[in-house]
Amino acid sequence: MSLEAITQIRKIEEGMEQEKSDARARAQKLAADAEREGRELLKAGAEKARGENAAAMERAQAEAAKRREAILAKAAEDCAALKAQAGKRMGRAVEAILERVVER
């Protein structure tokens, strides 16, 4: 083999080694970039979920407050009705008690 052929083969081998090294570096950079982007996406997703959870909790608390007020209003209404009924019966109850006391 001639010296020129050997030199050419050596250049080709060196070029191939450089290409392999460049490819490894690109692959490592791609993997690092993908990992970084993945972490950023996870962080953004977690922040979004926290925001949505907070909004859902606020809506649930507002709904619970509305229901509480409705229940309290209904209870007050029922109490007023019971008081009114008791007031109507009060006269008869007093008479019944007086009759029993007087009869004895």
N, C-alpha and C. Protein backbone atom coordinates (compact mmCIF):
# COMPACT_ATOMS: atom_id res chain seq x y z
N MET A 1 0.85 -1.17 0.00
CA MET A 1 0.00 0.00 0.00
C MET A 1 0.89 1.22 0.00
N SER A 2 0.41 2.19 -0.70
CA SER A 2 1.21 3.40 -0.78
C SER A 2 0.98 4.28 0.43
N LEU A 3 1.94 5.15 0.66
CA LEU A 3 1.84 6.08 1.79
C LEU A 3 0.63 6.98 1.63
N GLU A 4 0.35 7.34 0.44
CA GLU A 4 -0.82 8.20 0.16
C GLU A 4 -2.12 7.50 0.53
N ALA A 5 -2.23 6.23 0.23
CA ALA A 5 -3.43 5.45 0.55
C ALA A 5 -3.57 5.31 2.06
N ILE A 6 -2.46 5.06 2.75
CA ILE A 6 -2.50 4.94 4.20
C ILE A 6 -2.91 6.26 4.82
N THR A 7 -2.39 7.34 4.35
CA THR A 7 -2.73 8.68 4.86
C THR A 7 -4.21 8.96 4.64
N GLN A 8 -4.71 8.59 3.50
CA GLN A 8 -6.13 8.81 3.19
C GLN A 8 -7.02 7.97 4.11
N ILE A 9 -6.63 6.72 4.34
CA ILE A 9 -7.39 5.85 5.24
C ILE A 9 -7.39 6.42 6.65
N ARG A 10 -6.23 6.91 7.11
CA ARG A 10 -6.13 7.48 8.43
C ARG A 10 -7.05 8.71 8.56
N LYS A 11 -7.08 9.54 7.55
CA LYS A 11 -7.94 10.73 7.56
C LYS A 11 -9.41 10.32 7.65
N ILE A 12 -9.76 9.30 6.87
CA ILE A 12 -11.15 8.83 6.88
C ILE A 12 -11.50 8.28 8.26
N GLU A 13 -10.58 7.50 8.87
CA GLU A 13 -10.83 6.94 10.21
C GLU A 13 -10.96 8.05 11.24
N GLU A 14 -10.12 9.06 11.16
CA GLU A 14 -10.18 10.19 12.09
C GLU A 14 -11.50 10.95 11.92
N GLY A 15 -11.91 11.11 10.67
CA GLY A 15 -13.19 11.78 10.38
C GLY A 15 -14.36 10.99 10.97
N MET A 16 -14.30 9.66 10.85
CA MET A 16 -15.37 8.82 11.39
C MET A 16 -15.39 8.91 12.92
N GLU A 17 -14.22 8.91 13.56
CA GLU A 17 -14.16 9.04 15.01
C GLU A 17 -14.74 10.38 15.45
N GLN A 18 -14.40 11.43 14.69
CA GLN A 18 -14.94 12.76 15.03
C GLN A 18 -16.46 12.79 14.87
N GLU A 19 -16.97 12.15 13.82
CA GLU A 19 -18.42 12.07 13.61
C GLU A 19 -19.09 11.30 14.74
N LYS A 20 -18.48 10.19 15.19
CA LYS A 20 -19.03 9.43 16.31
C LYS A 20 -19.07 10.29 17.57
N SER A 21 -17.98 11.01 17.81
CA SER A 21 -17.90 11.86 18.99
C SER A 21 -18.97 12.97 18.92
N ASP A 22 -19.12 13.57 17.75
CA ASP A 22 -20.14 14.62 17.56
C ASP A 22 -21.54 14.05 17.77
N ALA A 23 -21.77 12.85 17.26
CA ALA A 23 -23.09 12.22 17.39
C ALA A 23 -23.39 11.93 18.86
N ARG A 24 -22.36 11.43 19.61
CA ARG A 24 -22.56 11.19 21.05
C ARG A 24 -22.89 12.50 21.77
N ALA A 25 -22.19 13.55 21.44
CA ALA A 25 -22.42 14.85 22.08
C ALA A 25 -23.83 15.35 21.76
N ARG A 26 -24.25 15.21 20.49
CA ARG A 26 -25.62 15.63 20.11
C ARG A 26 -26.67 14.81 20.85
N ALA A 27 -26.43 13.50 20.96
CA ALA A 27 -27.38 12.63 21.66
C ALA A 27 -27.48 13.02 23.14
N GLN A 28 -26.35 13.29 23.78
CA GLN A 28 -26.37 13.71 25.17
C GLN A 28 -27.10 15.04 25.34
N LYS A 29 -26.86 15.96 24.41
CA LYS A 29 -27.52 17.26 24.49
C LYS A 29 -29.03 17.10 24.29
N LEU A 30 -29.44 16.26 23.33
CA LEU A 30 -30.86 16.01 23.11
C LEU A 30 -31.51 15.40 24.35
N ALA A 31 -30.82 14.45 24.97
CA ALA A 31 -31.36 13.81 26.17
C ALA A 31 -31.49 14.82 27.31
N ALA A 32 -30.47 15.66 27.49
CA ALA A 32 -30.51 16.67 28.55
C ALA A 32 -31.63 17.68 28.28
N ASP A 33 -31.75 18.10 27.03
CA ASP A 33 -32.82 19.05 26.67
C ASP A 33 -34.20 18.43 26.91
N ALA A 34 -34.36 17.17 26.53
CA ALA A 34 -35.65 16.50 26.71
C ALA A 34 -35.98 16.37 28.20
N GLU A 35 -34.98 16.04 29.00
CA GLU A 35 -35.20 15.92 30.45
C GLU A 35 -35.59 17.28 31.05
N ARG A 36 -34.88 18.33 30.65
CA ARG A 36 -35.18 19.68 31.15
C ARG A 36 -36.59 20.10 30.75
N GLU A 37 -36.94 19.88 29.50
CA GLU A 37 -38.28 20.23 29.02
C GLU A 37 -39.36 19.42 29.75
N GLY A 38 -39.06 18.16 30.01
CA GLY A 38 -39.99 17.32 30.75
C GLY A 38 -40.22 17.85 32.16
N ARG A 39 -39.14 18.24 32.84
CA ARG A 39 -39.28 18.81 34.19
C ARG A 39 -40.09 20.10 34.15
N GLU A 40 -39.84 20.93 33.14
CA GLU A 40 -40.59 22.18 33.01
C GLU A 40 -42.08 21.91 32.78
N LEU A 41 -42.38 20.92 31.94
CA LEU A 41 -43.78 20.56 31.70
C LEU A 41 -44.45 20.03 32.96
N LEU A 42 -43.74 19.20 33.72
CA LEU A 42 -44.28 18.69 34.97
C LEU A 42 -44.54 19.83 35.95
N LYS A 43 -43.62 20.75 36.03
CA LYS A 43 -43.78 21.89 36.94
C LYS A 43 -44.98 22.74 36.51
N ALA A 44 -45.10 23.00 35.22
CA ALA A 44 -46.23 23.79 34.72
C ALA A 44 -47.54 23.06 34.97
N GLY A 45 -47.55 21.75 34.76
CA GLY A 45 -48.76 20.96 35.00
C GLY A 45 -49.16 20.99 36.47
N ALA A 46 -48.17 20.88 37.35
CA ALA A 46 -48.45 20.91 38.79
C ALA A 46 -49.01 22.27 39.19
N GLU A 47 -48.44 23.34 38.67
CA GLU A 47 -48.93 24.68 38.98
C GLU A 47 -50.36 24.87 38.47
N LYS A 48 -50.61 24.38 37.27
CA LYS A 48 -51.96 24.49 36.71
C LYS A 48 -52.96 23.70 37.57
N ALA A 49 -52.56 22.50 37.97
CA ALA A 49 -53.44 21.67 38.81
C ALA A 49 -53.71 22.35 40.15
N ARG A 50 -52.68 22.97 40.74
CA ARG A 50 -52.90 23.69 42.01
C ARG A 50 -53.90 24.82 41.81
N GLY A 51 -53.76 25.56 40.72
CA GLY A 51 -54.70 26.65 40.44
C GLY A 51 -56.12 26.14 40.25
N GLU A 52 -56.26 25.05 39.50
CA GLU A 52 -57.59 24.47 39.27
C GLU A 52 -58.19 23.94 40.57
N ASN A 53 -57.35 23.32 41.40
CA ASN A 53 -57.84 22.81 42.68
C ASN A 53 -58.30 23.95 43.58
N ALA A 54 -57.54 25.04 43.59
CA ALA A 54 -57.92 26.19 44.42
C ALA A 54 -59.25 26.76 43.94
N ALA A 55 -59.42 26.87 42.63
CA ALA A 55 -60.67 27.40 42.09
C ALA A 55 -61.84 26.46 42.41
N ALA A 56 -61.62 25.17 42.30
CA ALA A 56 -62.68 24.20 42.61
C ALA A 56 -63.04 24.28 44.09
N MET A 57 -62.03 24.45 44.95
CA MET A 57 -62.29 24.55 46.39
C MET A 57 -63.10 25.82 46.68
N GLU A 58 -62.77 26.91 46.04
CA GLU A 58 -63.53 28.15 46.24
C GLU A 58 -64.98 27.97 45.81
N ARG A 59 -65.19 27.32 44.66
CA ARG A 59 -66.56 27.09 44.19
C ARG A 59 -67.32 26.20 45.17
N ALA A 60 -66.65 25.16 45.67
CA ALA A 60 -67.30 24.25 46.62
C ALA A 60 -67.64 24.98 47.92
N GLN A 61 -66.75 25.84 48.38
CA GLN A 61 -67.02 26.59 49.60
C GLN A 61 -68.17 27.57 49.40
N ALA A 62 -68.23 28.20 48.25
CA ALA A 62 -69.33 29.12 47.96
C ALA A 62 -70.66 28.37 47.91
N GLU A 63 -70.65 27.20 47.27
CA GLU A 63 -71.86 26.38 47.20
C GLU A 63 -72.28 25.91 48.59
N ALA A 64 -71.31 25.51 49.40
CA ALA A 64 -71.61 25.07 50.77
C ALA A 64 -72.19 26.22 51.59
N ALA A 65 -71.67 27.42 51.40
CA ALA A 65 -72.20 28.58 52.13
C ALA A 65 -73.64 28.86 51.72
N LYS A 66 -73.92 28.74 50.42
CA LYS A 66 -75.30 28.93 49.94
C LYS A 66 -76.24 27.90 50.56
N ARG A 67 -75.80 26.64 50.55
CA ARG A 67 -76.64 25.57 51.11
C ARG A 67 -76.84 25.77 52.61
N ARG A 68 -75.79 26.21 53.30
CA ARG A 68 -75.89 26.46 54.74
C ARG A 68 -76.92 27.55 55.00
N GLU A 69 -76.85 28.62 54.23
CA GLU A 69 -77.81 29.72 54.41
C GLU A 69 -79.24 29.26 54.13
N ALA A 70 -79.40 28.43 53.11
CA ALA A 70 -80.74 27.91 52.79
C ALA A 70 -81.25 27.03 53.92
N ILE A 71 -80.38 26.20 54.47
CA ILE A 71 -80.79 25.32 55.58
C ILE A 71 -81.15 26.14 56.81
N LEU A 72 -80.33 27.15 57.11
CA LEU A 72 -80.62 28.00 58.27
C LEU A 72 -81.93 28.77 58.08
N ALA A 73 -82.17 29.25 56.86
CA ALA A 73 -83.42 29.97 56.59
C ALA A 73 -84.62 29.05 56.76
N LYS A 74 -84.50 27.82 56.26
CA LYS A 74 -85.59 26.85 56.39
C LYS A 74 -85.82 26.51 57.86
N ALA A 75 -84.75 26.35 58.63
CA ALA A 75 -84.88 26.05 60.05
C ALA A 75 -85.56 27.21 60.79
N ALA A 76 -85.19 28.43 60.45
CA ALA A 76 -85.80 29.60 61.09
C ALA A 76 -87.29 29.66 60.74
N GLU A 77 -87.60 29.34 59.49
CA GLU A 77 -88.99 29.32 59.04
C GLU A 77 -89.79 28.26 59.81
N ASP A 78 -89.21 27.07 59.94
CA ASP A 78 -89.87 25.99 60.67
C ASP A 78 -90.07 26.37 62.14
N CYS A 79 -89.07 27.00 62.74
CA CYS A 79 -89.19 27.43 64.14
C CYS A 79 -90.31 28.44 64.31
N ALA A 80 -90.38 29.39 63.39
CA ALA A 80 -91.44 30.40 63.46
C ALA A 80 -92.81 29.75 63.34
N ALA A 81 -92.92 28.76 62.45
CA ALA A 81 -94.20 28.06 62.28
C ALA A 81 -94.57 27.30 63.56
N LEU A 82 -93.59 26.64 64.16
CA LEU A 82 -93.85 25.91 65.40
C LEU A 82 -94.25 26.86 66.53
N LYS A 83 -93.59 28.00 66.61
CA LYS A 83 -93.94 28.99 67.63
C LYS A 83 -95.37 29.49 67.42
N ALA A 84 -95.73 29.73 66.17
CA ALA A 84 -97.08 30.21 65.86
C ALA A 84 -98.11 29.16 66.26
N GLN A 85 -97.84 27.90 65.94
CA GLN A 85 -98.77 26.83 66.32
C GLN A 85 -98.86 26.71 67.85
N ALA A 86 -97.72 26.82 68.50
CA ALA A 86 -97.73 26.73 69.96
C ALA A 86 -98.49 27.89 70.57
N GLY A 87 -98.34 29.06 69.97
CA GLY A 87 -99.06 30.24 70.46
C GLY A 87 -100.56 30.06 70.33
N LYS A 88 -100.99 29.44 69.24
CA LYS A 88 -102.42 29.21 69.04
C LYS A 88 -102.97 28.22 70.06
N ARG A 89 -102.18 27.26 70.48
CA ARG A 89 -102.62 26.24 71.42
C ARG A 89 -102.45 26.66 72.88
N MET A 90 -101.73 27.75 73.09
CA MET A 90 -101.43 28.18 74.45
C MET A 90 -102.69 28.41 75.28
N GLY A 91 -103.66 29.07 74.71
CA GLY A 91 -104.91 29.35 75.43
C GLY A 91 -105.58 28.07 75.89
N ARG A 92 -105.69 27.11 74.99
CA ARG A 92 -106.33 25.84 75.35
C ARG A 92 -105.52 25.09 76.41
N ALA A 93 -104.19 25.17 76.31
CA ALA A 93 -103.33 24.49 77.29
C ALA A 93 -103.51 25.11 78.67
N VAL A 94 -103.58 26.43 78.72
CA VAL A 94 -103.78 27.11 80.00
C VAL A 94 -105.12 26.71 80.59
N GLU A 95 -106.15 26.69 79.77
CA GLU A 95 -107.48 26.30 80.24
C GLU A 95 -107.48 24.88 80.78
N ALA A 96 -106.82 23.96 80.07
CA ALA A 96 -106.77 22.57 80.50
C ALA A 96 -106.05 22.45 81.83
N ILE A 97 -104.97 23.18 81.99
CA ILE A 97 -104.23 23.13 83.25
C ILE A 97 -105.06 23.70 84.38
N LEU A 98 -105.70 24.82 84.12
CA LEU A 98 -106.53 25.44 85.16
C LEU A 98 -107.68 24.52 85.55
N GLU A 99 -108.28 23.85 84.61
CA GLU A 99 -109.38 22.93 84.91
C GLU A 99 -108.90 21.81 85.82
N ARG A 100 -107.74 21.27 85.54
CA ARG A 100 -107.21 20.18 86.36
C ARG A 100 -106.86 20.67 87.77
N VAL A 101 -106.30 21.89 87.82
CA VAL A 101 -105.91 22.42 89.13
C VAL A 101 -107.14 22.74 89.96
N VAL A 102 -108.14 23.32 89.33
CA VAL A 102 -109.36 23.72 90.04
C VAL A 102 -110.15 22.49 90.46
N GLU A 103 -110.21 21.48 89.65
CA GLU A 103 -110.96 20.26 89.95
C GLU A 103 -110.37 19.53 91.15
N ARG A 104 -109.17 19.66 91.40
CA ARG A 104 -108.52 18.92 92.48
C ARG A 104 -108.71 19.59 93.76
